[in-house]
Amino acid sequence: MTDQDEEQERGRLRLLPWSSPEGKPCYLDTDDSRSLLSRLADDVEEAQLSSARDVLLGSEAVLADVAAGERAVRFALTRTTESLRETLRVAHSRGDRIRS
């Protein structure tokens, strides 16, 4: 399979909001957007987006606190980075489904 074939195949698949144990992306191939696995993926995406909102509020509070120490700032940045990564994955997955 060529790189172009793989790209076309991915265009028909849904990027799931989790990775394999090896850290590789997982995809779902289904015509049923209400299948059990599709609904599970929807629920995980919603939980990730909700968590990202909470992390954003916490990070803003840490940044607004002039007395916040390095550990607090590093923790906030670490969580923000994790949330941004998950949010971008959700956006990518949803964008791919809009184009299909």
Protein backbone atom coordinates (compact mmCIF):
# COMPACT_ATOMS: atom_id res chain seq x y z
CA MET A 1 0.00 0.00 0.00
CA THR A 2 1.41 3.39 -0.98
CA ASP A 3 1.35 6.53 1.16
CA GLN A 4 -1.40 7.92 -1.06
CA ASP A 5 -3.49 4.75 -0.59
CA GLU A 6 -3.06 5.03 3.17
CA GLU A 7 -4.17 8.69 3.09
CA GLN A 8 -7.29 7.80 1.10
CA GLU A 9 -8.09 4.94 3.48
CA ARG A 10 -7.72 7.25 6.51
CA GLY A 11 -10.12 9.69 4.87
CA ARG A 12 -12.86 7.08 5.16
CA LEU A 13 -12.00 6.09 8.71
CA ARG A 14 -12.78 7.84 11.98
CA LEU A 15 -9.78 8.79 14.08
CA LEU A 16 -10.57 7.60 17.59
CA PRO A 17 -9.76 9.69 20.68
CA TRP A 18 -7.28 7.13 22.01
CA SER A 19 -4.08 5.47 20.84
CA SER A 20 -2.91 1.89 20.70
CA PRO A 21 -0.62 0.62 23.49
CA GLU A 22 2.27 1.41 21.12
CA GLY A 23 1.09 5.02 20.80
CA LYS A 24 -0.20 4.65 17.25
CA PRO A 25 -3.52 6.21 16.17
CA CYS A 26 -6.63 4.03 16.24
CA TYR A 27 -9.30 4.25 13.56
CA LEU A 28 -12.88 3.03 13.27
CA ASP A 29 -14.38 1.79 10.01
CA THR A 30 -18.18 1.82 10.22
CA ASP A 31 -21.18 3.14 8.33
CA ASP A 32 -23.15 3.41 11.60
CA SER A 33 -22.39 6.63 13.47
CA ARG A 34 -24.55 5.32 16.35
CA SER A 35 -22.70 2.03 16.79
CA LEU A 36 -21.51 1.17 20.29
CA LEU A 37 -17.89 2.06 19.50
CA SER A 38 -18.92 5.30 17.76
CA ARG A 39 -20.95 6.36 20.80
CA LEU A 40 -18.09 5.44 23.12
CA ALA A 41 -15.72 7.57 21.03
CA ASP A 42 -18.25 10.45 21.14
CA ASP A 43 -18.45 10.16 24.94
CA VAL A 44 -14.66 10.11 25.31
CA GLU A 45 -14.32 13.17 23.06
CA GLU A 46 -16.91 15.05 25.13
CA ALA A 47 -15.09 14.11 28.35
CA GLN A 48 -11.79 15.30 26.86
CA LEU A 49 -13.31 18.64 25.80
CA SER A 50 -14.92 19.11 29.21
CA SER A 51 -11.61 18.35 30.91
CA ALA A 52 -9.87 20.84 28.62
CA ARG A 53 -12.29 23.58 29.74
CA ASP A 54 -11.50 22.79 33.38
CA VAL A 55 -7.75 22.74 32.71
CA LEU A 56 -7.99 26.09 30.95
CA LEU A 57 -9.72 27.67 33.94
CA GLY A 58 -7.13 26.21 36.31
CA SER A 59 -4.23 27.33 34.15
CA GLU A 60 -5.63 30.84 33.91
CA ALA A 61 -5.91 30.95 37.70
CA VAL A 62 -2.29 29.82 38.12
CA LEU A 63 -1.06 32.40 35.62
CA ALA A 64 -3.05 35.14 37.35
CA ASP A 65 -1.49 34.26 40.72
CA VAL A 66 1.77 36.22 40.98
CA ALA A 67 2.75 34.05 43.94
CA ALA A 68 2.40 30.78 41.99
CA GLY A 69 5.62 28.84 42.16
CA GLU A 70 7.49 26.97 39.47
CA ARG A 71 5.86 23.65 40.38
CA ALA A 72 2.36 25.08 39.98
CA VAL A 73 3.21 26.69 36.66
CA ARG A 74 4.90 23.52 35.37
CA PHE A 75 1.90 21.42 36.43
CA ALA A 76 -0.52 23.81 34.75
CA LEU A 77 1.55 23.84 31.57
CA THR A 78 1.82 20.04 31.54
CA ARG A 79 -1.94 19.60 31.90
CA THR A 80 -2.61 22.33 29.32
CA THR A 81 -0.31 20.59 26.84
CA GLU A 82 -2.06 17.26 27.39
CA SER A 83 -5.48 18.89 26.94
CA LEU A 84 -4.39 20.74 23.81
CA ARG A 85 -3.11 17.50 22.29
CA GLU A 86 -6.45 15.77 22.99
CA THR A 87 -8.46 18.75 21.73
CA LEU A 88 -6.50 18.90 18.48
CA ARG A 89 -7.09 15.17 17.98
CA VAL A 90 -10.85 15.70 18.45
CA ALA A 91 -10.79 18.64 16.02
CA HIS A 92 -8.88 16.59 13.46
CA SER A 93 -11.27 13.67 13.80
CA ARG A 94 -14.36 15.84 13.51
CA GLY A 95 -12.90 17.80 10.61
CA ASP A 96 -12.23 14.59 8.72
CA ARG A 97 -15.84 13.49 9.25
CA ILE A 98 -17.21 16.82 7.99
CA ARG A 99 -15.23 16.46 4.74
CA SER A 100 -16.47 12.89 4.17
